Amino acid sequence: MTLTKLMKGSALSALAVAMAVTALPAQAEAAEAAEQRSQQDRAQWQQQQRQQRRQERRSGQRQERRSERRQERRSEQRQERRSEQSQERRQDRRQERRDYGAERERARRQAVREVSRENRAEERRGRDWNRGDRRAERAQERSGRDWNRSERRQERRQEQRRAERRAERRIEERRAERRADRRAERRYQERRAERRADRRAERIYRERSIRDRAARSTLERRSRYWDGRRWHNYDRWDRYGWRDNHRYDWNRYRYSNRSIFRLGRYYAPYRDYRYRRLDIGFRLGNLFFGSRYWINDPWRYRLPEVYGPYRWVRYYDDVLLVDIYSGEVVDVIYDFFW
């Protein structure tokens, strides 16, 4: 009895266990399905919310755009209306001005006509008028009319004439300045020419006086020297005659041949001796016109040939013509060498 009960109890327990085991997966699946459904519902609800928000945003943006477009259209319409109104006002003002000017012109013409009629009537009554008087009166009447165009033209012409006059004045002033400059330059050149002429005349006078003095007596020009054995006659040196000869233009020749006139250092015969400017008539010591200071080829420096007791001698940068028998300086050229 106990065994049967035991078996029944074990069978029932096994059946319950089997039923419980089979029921657990079904419940889990049902729970999972319920969770999936809930998730899907949530996702759908969220999607719906998003769509609603998007629609609201789009609708709000559309409304804003529509409102902006409306405002822009309204502003454009207002501007167009204002521009049209301003144009209409301008046209009305122009038309009013034109009408006013036309009326004024008509009134003026009418007044002028009436005045002219009265004048003509008076003239006809008196019968002392002619064509020339009528033309003059008409010209005066026309000139008396204050037409805007004629006044503007006259003003423009006056301004142009003023500008032309100003330009002409400037040109005349410049011409006057140039003429004054030319006159001053001419005066300056004339003064320079006068000074040159005076210098030339003075030079010629001096040269002529010197030549006349030299030519007064042949005895004065002639001289002689003793060479130790006999006397030699010779003409005195003319320091002005050779300078008039273009062959001896040493200054121009030096300008084109500078290297020839650039000699070495000058060594004085005395150690402590220094340069002194010598004049014609000065008497040198015999050591200053020794043979080592002679210029043996004067033509090389475009100097005239010497004769008798005369010798060209270098003295520092100067050239002296010395009478070697008396030591007298007969002629001098300062700053001859470089």
Protein backbone atom coordinates (compact mmCIF):
# COMPACT_ATOMS: atom_id res chain seq x y z
CA MET A 1 0.00 0.00 0.00
CA THR A 2 2.77 2.16 0.84
CA LEU A 3 4.56 1.23 -2.34
CA THR A 4 1.61 2.11 -4.44
CA LYS A 5 1.23 5.40 -2.69
CA LEU A 6 4.87 5.99 -3.07
CA MET A 7 4.72 5.30 -6.76
CA LYS A 8 1.70 7.49 -7.20
CA GLY A 9 3.36 10.26 -5.36
CA SER A 10 6.56 9.99 -7.40
CA ALA A 11 4.60 9.89 -10.62
CA LEU A 12 2.66 12.95 -9.66
CA SER A 13 5.80 14.75 -8.64
CA ALA A 14 7.47 13.82 -11.88
CA LEU A 15 4.47 15.01 -13.84
CA ALA A 16 4.43 18.26 -11.95
CA VAL A 17 8.12 18.70 -12.54
CA ALA A 18 7.67 17.95 -16.25
CA MET A 19 4.78 20.36 -16.49
CA ALA A 20 6.77 23.01 -14.64
CA VAL A 21 9.76 22.51 -16.91
CA THR A 22 7.65 22.83 -20.04
CA ALA A 23 5.79 25.85 -18.67
CA LEU A 24 8.93 27.89 -17.85
CA PRO A 25 10.08 28.46 -21.47
CA ALA A 26 6.60 29.45 -22.52
CA GLN A 27 6.41 32.04 -19.77
CA ALA A 28 9.86 33.35 -20.67
CA GLU A 29 8.87 33.64 -24.30
CA ALA A 30 5.66 35.40 -23.33
CA ALA A 31 7.58 37.79 -21.15
CA GLU A 32 10.09 38.48 -23.92
CA ALA A 33 7.28 39.02 -26.39
CA ALA A 34 5.59 41.40 -23.98
CA GLU A 35 8.84 43.32 -23.51
CA GLN A 36 9.39 43.50 -27.27
CA ARG A 37 5.88 44.78 -27.73
CA SER A 38 6.39 47.37 -25.06
CA GLN A 39 9.67 48.43 -26.68
CA GLN A 40 8.02 48.66 -30.09
CA ASP A 41 5.21 50.67 -28.59
CA ARG A 42 7.71 53.00 -26.96
CA ALA A 43 9.67 53.35 -30.22
CA GLN A 44 6.47 54.07 -32.13
CA TRP A 45 5.40 56.59 -29.52
CA GLN A 46 8.82 58.27 -29.64
CA GLN A 47 8.75 58.30 -33.41
CA GLN A 48 5.29 59.80 -33.32
CA GLN A 49 6.48 62.42 -30.88
CA ARG A 50 9.44 63.21 -33.13
CA GLN A 51 7.23 63.48 -36.17
CA GLN A 52 4.88 65.77 -34.30
CA ARG A 53 7.79 67.93 -33.22
CA ARG A 54 9.15 68.04 -36.75
CA GLN A 55 5.75 68.93 -38.10
CA GLU A 56 5.39 71.62 -35.46
CA ARG A 57 8.85 72.96 -36.30
CA ARG A 58 8.14 72.83 -40.01
CA SER A 59 4.82 74.51 -39.54
CA GLY A 60 6.46 77.15 -37.34
CA GLN A 61 9.21 77.71 -39.90
CA ARG A 62 6.68 77.85 -42.67
CA GLN A 63 4.67 80.37 -40.75
CA GLU A 64 7.79 82.41 -40.05
CA ARG A 65 8.79 82.25 -43.70
CA ARG A 66 5.30 83.19 -44.77
CA SER A 67 5.28 86.07 -42.31
CA GLU A 68 8.69 87.23 -43.53
CA ARG A 69 7.62 86.98 -47.14
CA ARG A 70 4.46 88.89 -46.33
CA GLN A 71 6.47 91.57 -44.57
CA GLU A 72 8.91 91.77 -47.48
CA ARG A 73 6.07 92.03 -49.96
CA ARG A 74 4.40 94.67 -47.84
CA SER A 75 7.67 96.64 -47.52
CA GLU A 76 8.27 96.37 -51.26
CA GLN A 77 4.75 97.47 -51.96
CA ARG A 78 5.14 100.35 -49.53
CA GLN A 79 8.41 101.39 -51.17
CA GLU A 80 6.85 101.14 -54.61
CA ARG A 81 3.90 103.18 -53.44
CA ARG A 82 6.19 105.76 -51.87
CA SER A 83 8.36 105.95 -55.01
CA GLU A 84 5.28 106.25 -57.17
CA GLN A 85 3.87 108.91 -54.87
CA SER A 86 7.18 110.80 -54.84
CA GLN A 87 7.38 110.59 -58.63
CA GLU A 88 3.81 111.75 -58.93
CA ARG A 89 4.53 114.62 -56.56
CA ARG A 90 7.63 115.57 -58.53
CA GLN A 91 5.73 115.43 -61.77
CA ASP A 92 2.96 117.49 -60.25
CA ARG A 93 5.48 120.05 -58.98
CA ARG A 94 7.18 120.17 -62.36
CA GLN A 95 3.86 120.54 -64.07
CA GLU A 96 2.86 123.26 -61.62
CA ARG A 97 6.15 125.06 -62.23
CA ARG A 98 5.72 124.74 -65.95
CA ASP A 99 2.16 125.97 -65.75
CA TYR A 100 3.21 128.80 -63.48
CA GLY A 101 6.08 129.71 -65.82
CA ALA A 102 3.81 129.50 -68.83
CA GLU A 103 1.20 131.65 -67.16
CA ARG A 104 3.83 134.12 -66.08
CA GLU A 105 5.28 134.17 -69.58
CA ARG A 106 1.84 134.68 -71.05
CA ALA A 107 1.17 137.51 -68.63
CA ARG A 108 4.49 139.09 -69.54
CA ARG A 109 3.87 138.72 -73.22
CA GLN A 110 0.39 140.11 -72.80
CA ALA A 111 1.72 143.07 -70.85
CA VAL A 112 4.43 143.63 -73.42
CA ARG A 113 1.86 143.41 -76.20
CA GLU A 114 -0.39 145.87 -74.48
CA VAL A 115 2.51 148.24 -73.90
CA SER A 116 3.63 147.87 -77.48
CA ARG A 117 0.08 148.43 -78.70
CA GLU A 118 -0.21 151.56 -76.62
CA ASN A 119 3.13 152.78 -77.85
CA ARG A 120 2.21 152.02 -81.42
CA ALA A 121 -1.09 153.78 -81.01
CA GLU A 122 0.64 156.80 -79.56
CA GLU A 123 3.23 156.71 -82.30
CA ARG A 124 0.62 156.35 -84.97
CA ARG A 125 -1.28 159.20 -83.48
CA GLY A 126 1.78 161.36 -83.52
CA ARG A 127 3.03 159.81 -86.79
CA ASP A 128 6.64 160.52 -85.94
CA TRP A 129 7.96 156.99 -86.00
CA ASN A 130 9.96 155.08 -88.53
CA ARG A 131 11.35 151.61 -89.03
CA GLY A 132 14.64 152.27 -87.28
CA ASP A 133 12.89 153.50 -84.14
CA ARG A 134 10.57 150.52 -84.13
CA ARG A 135 13.48 148.13 -84.46
CA ALA A 136 15.35 149.83 -81.64
CA GLU A 137 12.28 149.72 -79.41
CA ARG A 138 11.70 146.06 -80.21
CA ALA A 139 15.29 145.28 -79.40
CA GLN A 140 14.94 147.12 -76.10
CA GLU A 141 11.71 145.25 -75.34
CA ARG A 142 13.33 141.92 -76.14
CA SER A 143 16.37 142.79 -74.07
CA GLY A 144 14.02 143.84 -71.24
CA ARG A 145 12.43 140.41 -71.17
CA ASP A 146 13.95 138.31 -68.45
CA TRP A 147 14.05 135.00 -70.25
CA ASN A 148 15.72 132.32 -68.22
CA ARG A 149 17.54 130.78 -71.18
CA SER A 150 18.98 134.05 -72.39
CA GLU A 151 20.11 134.97 -68.87
CA ARG A 152 21.79 131.59 -68.40
CA ARG A 153 23.48 131.85 -71.75
CA GLN A 154 24.69 135.32 -70.95
CA GLU A 155 25.99 134.21 -67.57
CA ARG A 156 27.80 131.25 -69.15
CA ARG A 157 29.30 133.47 -71.78
CA GLN A 158 30.39 135.96 -69.17
CA GLU A 159 31.99 133.20 -67.11
CA GLN A 160 33.76 131.86 -70.19
CA ARG A 161 34.98 135.34 -71.06
CA ARG A 162 36.21 135.86 -67.50
CA ALA A 163 38.04 132.53 -67.58
CA GLU A 164 39.56 133.41 -70.95
CA ARG A 165 40.61 136.81 -69.63
CA ARG A 166 42.20 135.21 -66.58
CA ALA A 167 44.08 132.77 -68.77
CA GLU A 168 45.18 135.59 -71.05
CA ARG A 169 46.33 137.60 -68.03
CA ARG A 170 48.33 134.65 -66.74
CA ILE A 171 49.89 134.17 -70.16
CA GLU A 172 50.70 137.86 -70.37
CA GLU A 173 52.22 137.81 -66.89
CA ARG A 174 54.36 134.82 -67.81
CA ARG A 175 55.41 136.53 -71.02
CA ALA A 176 56.26 139.69 -69.09
CA GLU A 177 58.33 137.66 -66.62
CA ARG A 178 60.14 135.96 -69.48
CA ARG A 179 60.76 139.30 -71.15
CA ALA A 180 62.09 140.72 -67.88
CA ASP A 181 64.37 137.70 -67.49
CA ARG A 182 65.57 138.10 -71.07
CA ARG A 183 66.20 141.80 -70.52
CA ALA A 184 68.13 141.09 -67.33
CA GLU A 185 70.12 138.40 -69.15
CA ARG A 186 70.81 140.78 -72.01
CA ARG A 187 71.94 143.47 -69.60
CA TYR A 188 74.17 141.00 -67.85
CA GLN A 189 75.64 139.81 -71.15
CA GLU A 190 76.10 143.40 -72.30
CA ARG A 191 77.90 144.25 -69.08
CA ARG A 192 80.12 141.21 -69.47
CA ALA A 193 80.83 142.17 -73.07
CA GLU A 194 81.64 145.71 -71.99
CA ARG A 195 83.97 144.43 -69.30
CA ARG A 196 85.66 142.12 -71.80
CA ALA A 197 85.98 144.95 -74.27
CA ASP A 198 87.45 147.17 -71.56
CA ARG A 199 89.91 144.47 -70.59
CA ARG A 200 90.88 143.89 -74.20
CA ALA A 201 91.31 147.60 -74.77
CA GLU A 202 93.38 147.89 -71.60
CA ARG A 203 95.47 144.90 -72.62
CA ILE A 204 95.96 146.22 -76.13
CA TYR A 205 96.87 149.62 -74.75
CA ARG A 206 99.42 148.10 -72.42
CA GLU A 207 100.87 145.88 -75.12
CA ARG A 208 101.08 148.78 -77.54
CA SER A 209 102.65 151.01 -74.95
CA ILE A 210 105.17 148.32 -74.12
CA ARG A 211 105.85 147.67 -77.79
CA ASP A 212 106.19 151.38 -78.44
CA ARG A 213 108.58 151.67 -75.59
CA ALA A 214 110.53 148.68 -76.89
CA ALA A 215 110.55 150.07 -80.41
CA ARG A 216 111.66 153.59 -79.50
CA SER A 217 115.26 152.85 -79.90
CA THR A 218 117.09 149.96 -81.45
CA LEU A 219 119.95 150.64 -79.09
CA GLU A 220 117.73 149.77 -76.14
CA ARG A 221 116.63 146.52 -77.75
CA ARG A 222 120.12 145.47 -78.60
CA SER A 223 122.45 144.04 -75.98
CA ARG A 224 125.58 141.94 -75.78
CA TYR A 225 127.25 139.47 -73.48
CA TRP A 226 130.82 138.17 -72.94
CA ASP A 227 131.23 134.39 -73.13
CA GLY A 228 134.84 134.48 -71.92
CA ARG A 229 136.40 134.83 -75.32
CA ARG A 230 134.44 137.49 -77.19
CA TRP A 231 131.34 139.70 -77.11
CA HIS A 232 128.04 138.54 -78.67
CA ASN A 233 125.29 140.88 -79.77
CA TYR A 234 121.65 139.78 -79.39
CA ASP A 235 118.15 141.20 -79.18
CA ARG A 236 116.53 141.55 -75.84
CA TRP A 237 113.73 139.10 -75.02
CA ASP A 238 110.22 140.22 -75.93
CA ARG A 239 107.97 138.58 -73.35
CA TYR A 240 104.76 139.79 -75.06
CA GLY A 241 105.42 138.94 -78.68
CA TRP A 242 105.57 135.17 -78.38
CA ARG A 243 102.32 135.06 -76.36
CA ASP A 244 100.37 136.43 -79.34
CA ASN A 245 101.51 133.52 -81.47
CA HIS A 246 99.06 130.60 -81.44
CA ARG A 247 101.86 128.12 -81.97
CA TYR A 248 102.95 128.69 -78.39
CA ASP A 249 99.54 128.16 -76.78
CA TRP A 250 100.96 125.96 -74.03
CA ASN A 251 97.81 126.19 -71.88
CA ARG A 252 95.59 124.50 -74.45
CA TYR A 253 98.29 121.97 -75.25
CA ARG A 254 98.63 121.14 -71.54
CA TYR A 255 94.89 120.57 -71.28
CA SER A 256 95.08 117.77 -73.88
CA ASN A 257 98.51 116.41 -72.81
CA ARG A 258 98.59 116.48 -69.06
CA SER A 259 100.99 113.60 -68.59
CA ILE A 260 103.82 115.57 -70.24
CA PHE A 261 103.49 118.41 -67.72
CA ARG A 262 103.43 116.05 -64.75
CA LEU A 263 107.09 115.89 -63.68
CA GLY A 264 108.70 114.49 -60.60
CA ARG A 265 109.52 116.23 -57.38
CA TYR A 266 111.60 119.40 -57.52
CA TYR A 267 114.78 119.33 -55.45
CA ALA A 268 116.06 122.77 -54.52
CA PRO A 269 119.83 123.34 -54.53
CA TYR A 270 119.66 124.22 -50.83
CA ARG A 271 118.26 121.87 -48.22
CA ASP A 272 116.24 124.39 -46.17
CA TYR A 273 115.12 126.48 -49.12
CA ARG A 274 111.35 126.86 -49.72
CA TYR A 275 109.28 128.13 -52.58
CA ARG A 276 109.10 131.89 -53.13
CA ARG A 277 107.17 133.59 -55.87
CA LEU A 278 109.66 135.32 -58.16
CA ASP A 279 108.95 138.29 -60.41
CA ILE A 280 110.60 139.65 -63.51
CA GLY A 281 113.84 141.46 -62.75
CA PHE A 282 114.76 139.23 -59.80
CA ARG A 283 118.35 137.92 -59.83
CA LEU A 284 118.87 134.25 -59.02
CA GLY A 285 121.88 132.47 -57.72
CA ASN A 286 123.77 130.41 -60.26
CA LEU A 287 122.79 127.14 -58.52
CA PHE A 288 119.08 127.68 -59.36
CA PHE A 289 119.70 127.82 -63.12
CA GLY A 290 122.26 125.07 -63.44
CA SER A 291 122.19 122.69 -66.37
CA ARG A 292 120.11 120.10 -64.49
CA TYR A 293 117.23 122.62 -64.23
CA TRP A 294 117.29 123.56 -67.93
CA ILE A 295 114.45 122.68 -70.29
CA ASN A 296 116.44 121.49 -73.28
CA ASP A 297 113.43 120.92 -75.55
CA PRO A 298 111.08 123.94 -75.15
CA TRP A 299 108.91 122.92 -78.12
CA ARG A 300 107.85 119.79 -76.24
CA TYR A 301 105.97 122.12 -73.86
CA ARG A 302 105.05 124.57 -76.64
CA LEU A 303 107.51 127.19 -75.47
CA PRO A 304 109.47 129.41 -77.90
CA GLU A 305 113.09 128.68 -78.69
CA VAL A 306 115.69 130.67 -76.81
CA TYR A 307 118.81 132.31 -78.05
CA GLY A 308 121.87 134.03 -76.72
CA PRO A 309 122.23 133.94 -72.94
CA TYR A 310 118.57 132.96 -72.27
CA ARG A 311 117.54 129.55 -70.96
CA TRP A 312 114.20 128.12 -69.84
CA VAL A 313 114.63 126.92 -66.27
CA ARG A 314 112.32 124.93 -64.01
CA TYR A 315 111.66 126.49 -60.63
CA TYR A 316 109.32 124.20 -58.66
CA ASP A 317 106.08 124.26 -60.72
CA ASP A 318 106.99 127.55 -62.43
CA VAL A 319 109.05 128.16 -65.57
CA LEU A 320 111.61 130.99 -65.62
CA LEU A 321 113.47 132.50 -68.54
CA VAL A 322 116.84 133.38 -67.03
CA ASP A 323 119.84 135.25 -68.39
CA ILE A 324 122.50 132.76 -67.35
CA TYR A 325 125.25 135.39 -67.51
CA SER A 326 123.57 137.85 -65.18
CA GLY A 327 121.04 135.62 -63.35
CA GLU A 328 118.19 138.02 -64.14
CA VAL A 329 114.67 136.61 -64.52
CA VAL A 330 113.41 137.87 -67.89
CA ASP A 331 110.09 136.03 -68.18
CA VAL A 332 107.90 133.95 -65.81
CA ILE A 333 105.05 131.44 -66.23
CA TYR A 334 103.46 130.50 -62.92
CA ASP A 335 101.91 127.05 -62.26
CA PHE A 336 103.27 125.67 -65.48
CA PHE A 337 103.76 122.09 -64.28
CA TRP A 338 101.33 119.95 -62.30
